[in-house]
Amino acid sequence: MKQLLESVKYNNRRFPKDQLLQIIERREEAVPHLLEIVKEFLREPEAYNAEESRIDLLYALYLLAQFREKALFPDLLQILQLPSETLDFALGDTVTEGAGRMLASVFNGDVQGLHQLAENTGADVYAREQGLVALVSLVLCGELERGGTVEYLGSLLTGDKLNAEDYTFNAFVVRCCRDLHPAENAAVIRAAFEKDAVDQFLIGLKNVEAELSRSMDEVLEESRQDINYRLILDTIEELEHWACFQEISSDQPFSDLFGTSRMKPVPVVSPPKIGRNDPCPCGSGKKHKKCCGK
């Protein structure tokens, strides 16, 4: 197993489908080694990031999520509360495209851990969002009660927990309220918009109001079909189309494909809502996270 994992430690631009299939087939043997890759990263994240094109952490996270390995849950919470630059360099777009779904996939019952991540103002705001995404995912798959989750989301928009300056995070909260049907939180959502506490590039009040006219069953079923809330089922399906595994021509600058000196994965996803990795609606041609979504 060590030799097999060593063979996928670095990205050589070829997707290691055969090796990953072997790891999946040898699941029980693989789990301790995959968890150790995660532990190694947590011990020395900067050392991991210093190894150009290293990618085994991402394989470990996706595989453990597919395996429903609950031992990953506390470590993943810890990873998501690392400094923004460290986190972004190690996980890239996986922060927004996979981390919340991973948390839901390996959930060990620690709801407070998800709350702590969401409310940690010292963490990256997009990592904090993943605590919310996990909560919604767990409701949609029947692991958590909708009522308690909706009540918690509403509490983030009221009283001492509402920080009007934290408008990006507040928009994420509103979006999660909408995706679980906003009926119970309609008043607090309207109040948050009145206080100009919500980033309207991410979600507008009209978008929320439109959901109020729909049945709860209809809204919840639509959210269940949203890939952003889907549990991790198949690592190979999740990863095999990433841009970092595509062959490039010899005259194509490396930075044109990856944007940095590291082979960072960029999942090909077309979400229906404006996310941090979507084109900015202002028309600049930049990603939203690099423009108005800062």
Protein backbone atom coordinates (compact mmCIF):
# COMPACT_ATOMS: atom_id res chain seq x y z
CA MET A 1 0.00 0.00 0.00
CA LYS A 2 2.83 2.42 0.78
CA GLN A 3 4.27 1.89 -2.69
CA LEU A 4 0.86 2.40 -4.26
CA LEU A 5 0.29 5.66 -2.40
CA GLU A 6 3.79 6.82 -3.23
CA SER A 7 2.91 6.42 -6.92
CA VAL A 8 0.13 9.02 -6.62
CA LYS A 9 1.96 11.42 -4.32
CA TYR A 10 2.64 13.95 -7.07
CA ASN A 11 0.65 15.16 -10.06
CA ASN A 12 2.28 14.28 -13.38
CA ARG A 13 -0.75 15.53 -15.38
CA ARG A 14 -2.08 12.00 -15.85
CA PHE A 15 -5.09 10.97 -13.82
CA PRO A 16 -4.11 7.83 -11.83
CA LYS A 17 -7.38 5.98 -12.31
CA ASP A 18 -5.90 2.49 -12.06
CA GLN A 19 -4.02 3.28 -8.87
CA LEU A 20 -7.08 4.85 -7.26
CA LEU A 21 -9.18 1.82 -8.19
CA GLN A 22 -6.63 -0.40 -6.47
CA ILE A 23 -6.74 1.79 -3.36
CA ILE A 24 -10.53 1.62 -3.33
CA GLU A 25 -10.44 -2.17 -3.69
CA ARG A 26 -8.05 -2.34 -0.72
CA ARG A 27 -10.10 0.07 1.37
CA GLU A 28 -9.47 -1.36 4.85
CA GLU A 29 -5.75 -1.53 4.25
CA ALA A 30 -5.69 1.97 2.78
CA VAL A 31 -7.60 3.90 5.46
CA PRO A 32 -4.80 4.15 8.09
CA HIS A 33 -2.34 5.31 5.43
CA LEU A 34 -4.77 7.88 4.06
CA LEU A 35 -5.43 9.23 7.54
CA GLU A 36 -1.68 9.49 8.08
CA ILE A 37 -1.34 11.64 4.95
CA VAL A 38 -3.88 14.01 6.49
CA LYS A 39 -2.07 13.97 9.85
CA GLU A 40 1.24 14.65 8.13
CA PHE A 41 -0.23 17.70 6.44
CA LEU A 42 -1.63 19.01 9.72
CA ARG A 43 1.73 18.58 11.44
CA GLU A 44 3.61 20.54 8.78
CA PRO A 45 1.29 22.21 6.28
CA GLU A 46 3.98 24.54 4.96
CA ALA A 47 6.32 21.62 4.30
CA TYR A 48 3.56 19.91 2.30
CA ASN A 49 2.86 23.06 0.31
CA ALA A 50 6.56 23.49 -0.42
CA GLU A 51 6.59 20.24 -2.42
CA GLU A 52 5.63 21.37 -5.90
CA SER A 53 2.80 19.38 -7.52
CA ARG A 54 2.13 17.27 -4.42
CA ILE A 55 -1.49 16.12 -4.52
CA ASP A 56 -1.92 13.07 -2.27
CA LEU A 57 -3.74 15.08 0.41
CA LEU A 58 -6.59 15.69 -2.03
CA TYR A 59 -6.79 12.02 -2.95
CA ALA A 60 -6.81 11.12 0.75
CA LEU A 61 -9.62 13.54 1.55
CA TYR A 62 -11.84 12.42 -1.30
CA LEU A 63 -11.22 8.72 -0.71
CA LEU A 64 -11.84 8.96 3.03
CA ALA A 65 -15.04 10.89 2.32
CA GLN A 66 -16.13 8.21 -0.14
CA PHE A 67 -15.35 5.58 2.51
CA ARG A 68 -17.43 7.51 5.10
CA GLU A 69 -14.43 7.46 7.43
CA LYS A 70 -15.59 9.42 10.49
CA ALA A 71 -12.05 9.69 11.86
CA LEU A 72 -11.44 12.33 9.18
CA PHE A 73 -14.09 14.69 10.55
CA PRO A 74 -12.10 16.45 13.33
CA ASP A 75 -8.99 16.68 11.17
CA LEU A 76 -10.92 18.20 8.29
CA LEU A 77 -12.44 20.76 10.64
CA GLN A 78 -8.91 21.64 11.74
CA ILE A 79 -7.67 21.90 8.16
CA LEU A 80 -10.48 24.29 7.25
CA GLN A 81 -9.47 26.64 10.05
CA LEU A 82 -5.89 27.04 8.83
CA PRO A 83 -4.79 30.46 7.50
CA SER A 84 -6.39 31.32 4.17
CA GLU A 85 -3.18 31.28 2.15
CA THR A 86 -2.10 27.90 3.53
CA LEU A 87 -5.52 26.41 2.96
CA ASP A 88 -5.94 27.77 -0.55
CA PHE A 89 -2.51 26.56 -1.65
CA ALA A 90 -3.12 23.04 -0.36
CA LEU A 91 -6.73 22.55 -1.44
CA GLY A 92 -7.37 25.16 -4.11
CA ASP A 93 -10.95 25.13 -5.34
CA THR A 94 -11.66 21.98 -3.35
CA VAL A 95 -12.33 24.34 -0.43
CA THR A 96 -15.57 25.43 -2.07
CA GLU A 97 -16.29 22.55 -4.41
CA GLY A 98 -15.77 19.64 -2.05
CA ALA A 99 -14.94 20.43 1.57
CA GLY A 100 -18.48 20.93 2.87
CA ARG A 101 -19.63 17.79 1.11
CA MET A 102 -16.69 15.92 2.64
CA LEU A 103 -17.64 17.12 6.11
CA ALA A 104 -21.17 15.84 5.60
CA SER A 105 -19.88 12.55 4.22
CA VAL A 106 -17.74 11.81 7.29
CA PHE A 107 -19.96 13.51 9.90
CA ASN A 108 -19.42 12.00 13.34
CA GLY A 109 -22.34 13.68 15.11
CA ASP A 110 -20.43 16.76 16.26
CA VAL A 111 -22.85 19.50 15.20
CA GLN A 112 -21.08 21.97 17.47
CA GLY A 113 -17.90 21.43 15.49
CA LEU A 114 -19.68 22.62 12.37
CA HIS A 115 -21.11 25.60 14.26
CA GLN A 116 -17.65 26.47 15.56
CA LEU A 117 -16.20 26.41 12.05
CA ALA A 118 -19.00 28.58 10.68
CA GLU A 119 -18.65 31.14 13.46
CA ASN A 120 -14.85 31.28 13.50
CA THR A 121 -14.25 34.79 12.18
CA GLY A 122 -10.51 34.09 12.15
CA ALA A 123 -10.95 31.40 9.50
CA ASP A 124 -11.25 31.88 5.75
CA VAL A 125 -14.80 32.99 4.98
CA TYR A 126 -15.16 30.39 2.23
CA ALA A 127 -14.02 27.67 4.62
CA ARG A 128 -16.57 28.91 7.15
CA GLU A 129 -19.19 28.55 4.44
CA GLN A 130 -18.37 24.84 4.28
CA GLY A 131 -19.61 24.38 7.83
CA LEU A 132 -22.96 25.72 6.63
CA VAL A 133 -22.89 23.62 3.46
CA ALA A 134 -22.32 20.51 5.57
CA LEU A 135 -25.31 21.36 7.77
CA VAL A 136 -27.58 21.76 4.75
CA SER A 137 -26.25 18.57 3.17
CA LEU A 138 -26.92 16.64 6.37
CA VAL A 139 -30.50 17.90 6.46
CA LEU A 140 -31.05 16.99 2.83
CA CYS A 141 -29.76 13.45 3.33
CA GLY A 142 -31.79 12.96 6.51
CA GLU A 143 -28.95 13.01 9.05
CA LEU A 144 -30.07 16.23 10.76
CA GLU A 145 -33.50 17.67 11.48
CA ARG A 146 -34.44 20.60 9.30
CA GLY A 147 -36.09 22.52 12.15
CA GLY A 148 -33.03 22.78 14.36
CA THR A 149 -30.77 23.65 11.45
CA VAL A 150 -33.09 26.37 10.16
CA GLU A 151 -33.32 27.82 13.66
CA TYR A 152 -29.53 27.88 13.94
CA LEU A 153 -29.13 29.57 10.56
CA GLY A 154 -31.64 32.23 11.58
CA SER A 155 -29.72 32.87 14.79
CA LEU A 156 -26.65 33.82 12.74
CA LEU A 157 -28.61 36.74 11.28
CA THR A 158 -29.88 38.16 14.57
CA GLY A 159 -28.60 39.69 17.79
CA ASP A 160 -24.93 39.54 18.71
CA LYS A 161 -24.17 36.92 16.06
CA LEU A 162 -25.03 39.26 13.19
CA ASN A 163 -21.99 41.23 12.07
CA ALA A 164 -23.09 43.66 9.37
CA GLU A 165 -19.50 43.91 8.13
CA ASP A 166 -19.32 40.15 7.56
CA TYR A 167 -21.58 40.52 4.53
CA THR A 168 -20.05 37.68 2.49
CA PHE A 169 -20.63 35.16 5.26
CA ASN A 170 -24.11 36.56 5.86
CA ALA A 171 -24.90 35.97 2.19
CA PHE A 172 -23.84 32.35 2.60
CA VAL A 173 -26.19 32.04 5.57
CA VAL A 174 -29.07 33.52 3.58
CA ARG A 175 -28.34 31.19 0.68
CA CYS A 176 -28.50 28.17 3.00
CA CYS A 177 -31.77 29.44 4.47
CA ARG A 178 -33.15 29.74 0.96
CA ASP A 179 -32.06 26.23 0.00
CA LEU A 180 -33.86 24.73 3.01
CA HIS A 181 -36.89 26.98 2.26
CA PRO A 182 -36.76 30.42 3.89
CA ALA A 183 -40.24 30.51 5.43
CA GLU A 184 -39.25 30.54 9.11
CA ASN A 185 -36.39 33.00 8.58
CA ALA A 186 -38.07 35.38 6.12
CA ALA A 187 -38.33 38.22 8.65
CA VAL A 188 -34.71 38.04 9.85
CA ILE A 189 -33.48 37.77 6.25
CA ARG A 190 -35.40 40.90 5.25
CA ALA A 191 -34.01 42.71 8.30
CA ALA A 192 -30.45 41.72 7.37
CA PHE A 193 -30.93 43.13 3.87
CA GLU A 194 -32.36 46.34 5.34
CA LYS A 195 -29.18 46.67 7.41
CA ASP A 196 -27.12 46.22 4.22
CA ALA A 197 -25.49 43.23 5.92
CA VAL A 198 -25.71 40.84 2.94
CA ASP A 199 -23.51 40.74 -0.17
CA GLN A 200 -26.07 41.14 -2.94
CA PHE A 201 -23.60 39.98 -5.58
CA LEU A 202 -24.03 36.53 -4.00
CA ILE A 203 -27.76 36.57 -3.36
CA GLY A 204 -30.53 39.15 -3.60
CA LEU A 205 -33.68 39.53 -1.55
CA LYS A 206 -35.83 38.94 -4.65
CA ASN A 207 -34.22 35.53 -5.00
CA VAL A 208 -35.24 34.66 -1.46
CA GLU A 209 -38.75 36.05 -1.87
CA ALA A 210 -39.25 33.92 -4.98
CA GLU A 211 -38.67 30.76 -2.96
CA LEU A 212 -41.40 31.71 -0.49
CA SER A 213 -44.01 31.18 -3.19
CA ARG A 214 -42.86 27.61 -3.74
CA SER A 215 -43.70 24.59 -1.63
CA MET A 216 -41.16 23.34 0.87
CA ASP A 217 -41.07 19.92 -0.77
CA GLU A 218 -40.29 21.49 -4.13
CA VAL A 219 -37.45 23.61 -2.76
CA LEU A 220 -35.92 20.75 -0.77
CA GLU A 221 -36.06 18.36 -3.72
CA GLU A 222 -34.33 20.91 -5.94
CA SER A 223 -31.63 21.35 -3.30
CA ARG A 224 -31.13 17.59 -3.11
CA GLN A 225 -30.31 17.65 -6.82
CA ASP A 226 -27.74 20.43 -6.33
CA ILE A 227 -24.23 18.97 -6.66
CA ASN A 228 -23.01 21.50 -4.08
CA TYR A 229 -24.88 19.55 -1.39
CA ARG A 230 -24.28 16.03 -2.68
CA LEU A 231 -22.25 13.60 -0.57
CA ILE A 232 -18.99 12.28 -1.99
CA LEU A 233 -19.88 9.02 -3.73
CA ASP A 234 -17.17 8.35 -6.30
CA THR A 235 -13.67 9.81 -6.06
CA ILE A 236 -12.84 8.95 -9.65
CA GLU A 237 -15.96 10.63 -10.99
CA GLU A 238 -15.22 13.68 -8.85
CA LEU A 239 -11.62 14.11 -9.99
CA GLU A 240 -10.97 12.61 -13.40
CA HIS A 241 -12.02 15.69 -15.39
CA TRP A 242 -10.01 18.23 -13.40
CA ALA A 243 -8.00 20.58 -15.60
CA CYS A 244 -4.74 19.68 -13.87
CA PHE A 245 -4.95 16.19 -15.38
CA GLN A 246 -5.27 17.39 -18.96
CA GLU A 247 -2.31 17.12 -21.31
CA ILE A 248 -0.80 20.46 -22.30
CA SER A 249 1.20 21.37 -25.38
CA SER A 250 4.93 21.89 -25.01
CA ASP A 251 4.65 25.56 -25.97
CA GLN A 252 1.83 26.32 -23.51
CA PRO A 253 3.14 28.18 -20.45
CA PHE A 254 2.61 26.15 -17.29
CA SER A 255 1.11 29.16 -15.53
CA ASP A 256 -1.56 29.52 -18.23
CA LEU A 257 -3.15 26.27 -17.12
CA PHE A 258 -2.67 26.33 -13.38
CA GLY A 259 -2.30 30.00 -12.49
CA THR A 260 0.49 29.34 -9.97
CA SER A 261 3.71 27.35 -9.75
CA ARG A 262 1.75 24.51 -8.18
CA MET A 263 -0.44 22.04 -10.06
CA LYS A 264 -3.64 23.12 -8.39
CA PRO A 265 -6.83 21.24 -9.26
CA VAL A 266 -9.71 23.13 -10.80
CA PRO A 267 -12.90 21.07 -10.80
CA VAL A 268 -15.12 21.66 -13.83
CA VAL A 269 -18.41 22.70 -12.25
CA SER A 270 -21.21 24.94 -13.48
CA PRO A 271 -23.28 25.78 -10.41
CA PRO A 272 -26.55 27.62 -10.91
CA LYS A 273 -25.69 30.19 -8.27
CA ILE A 274 -22.88 32.74 -8.18
CA GLY A 275 -20.02 31.17 -6.23
CA ARG A 276 -16.52 32.37 -5.48
CA ASN A 277 -15.16 30.50 -8.51
CA ASP A 278 -17.80 31.71 -10.98
CA PRO A 279 -17.17 34.56 -13.45
CA CYS A 280 -17.82 37.85 -11.70
CA PRO A 281 -21.21 39.30 -12.70
CA CYS A 282 -19.62 42.73 -13.13
CA GLY A 283 -18.24 41.56 -16.49
CA SER A 284 -14.55 41.91 -15.65
CA GLY A 285 -13.78 38.39 -16.86
CA LYS A 286 -12.21 37.54 -13.51
CA LYS A 287 -13.43 34.94 -11.04
CA HIS A 288 -15.87 36.40 -8.52
CA LYS A 289 -13.47 35.62 -5.63
CA LYS A 290 -10.76 37.70 -7.33
CA CYS A 291 -13.04 40.64 -8.09
CA CYS A 292 -16.22 41.86 -6.37
CA GLY A 293 -16.34 38.82 -4.09
CA LYS A 294 -13.18 39.75 -2.19
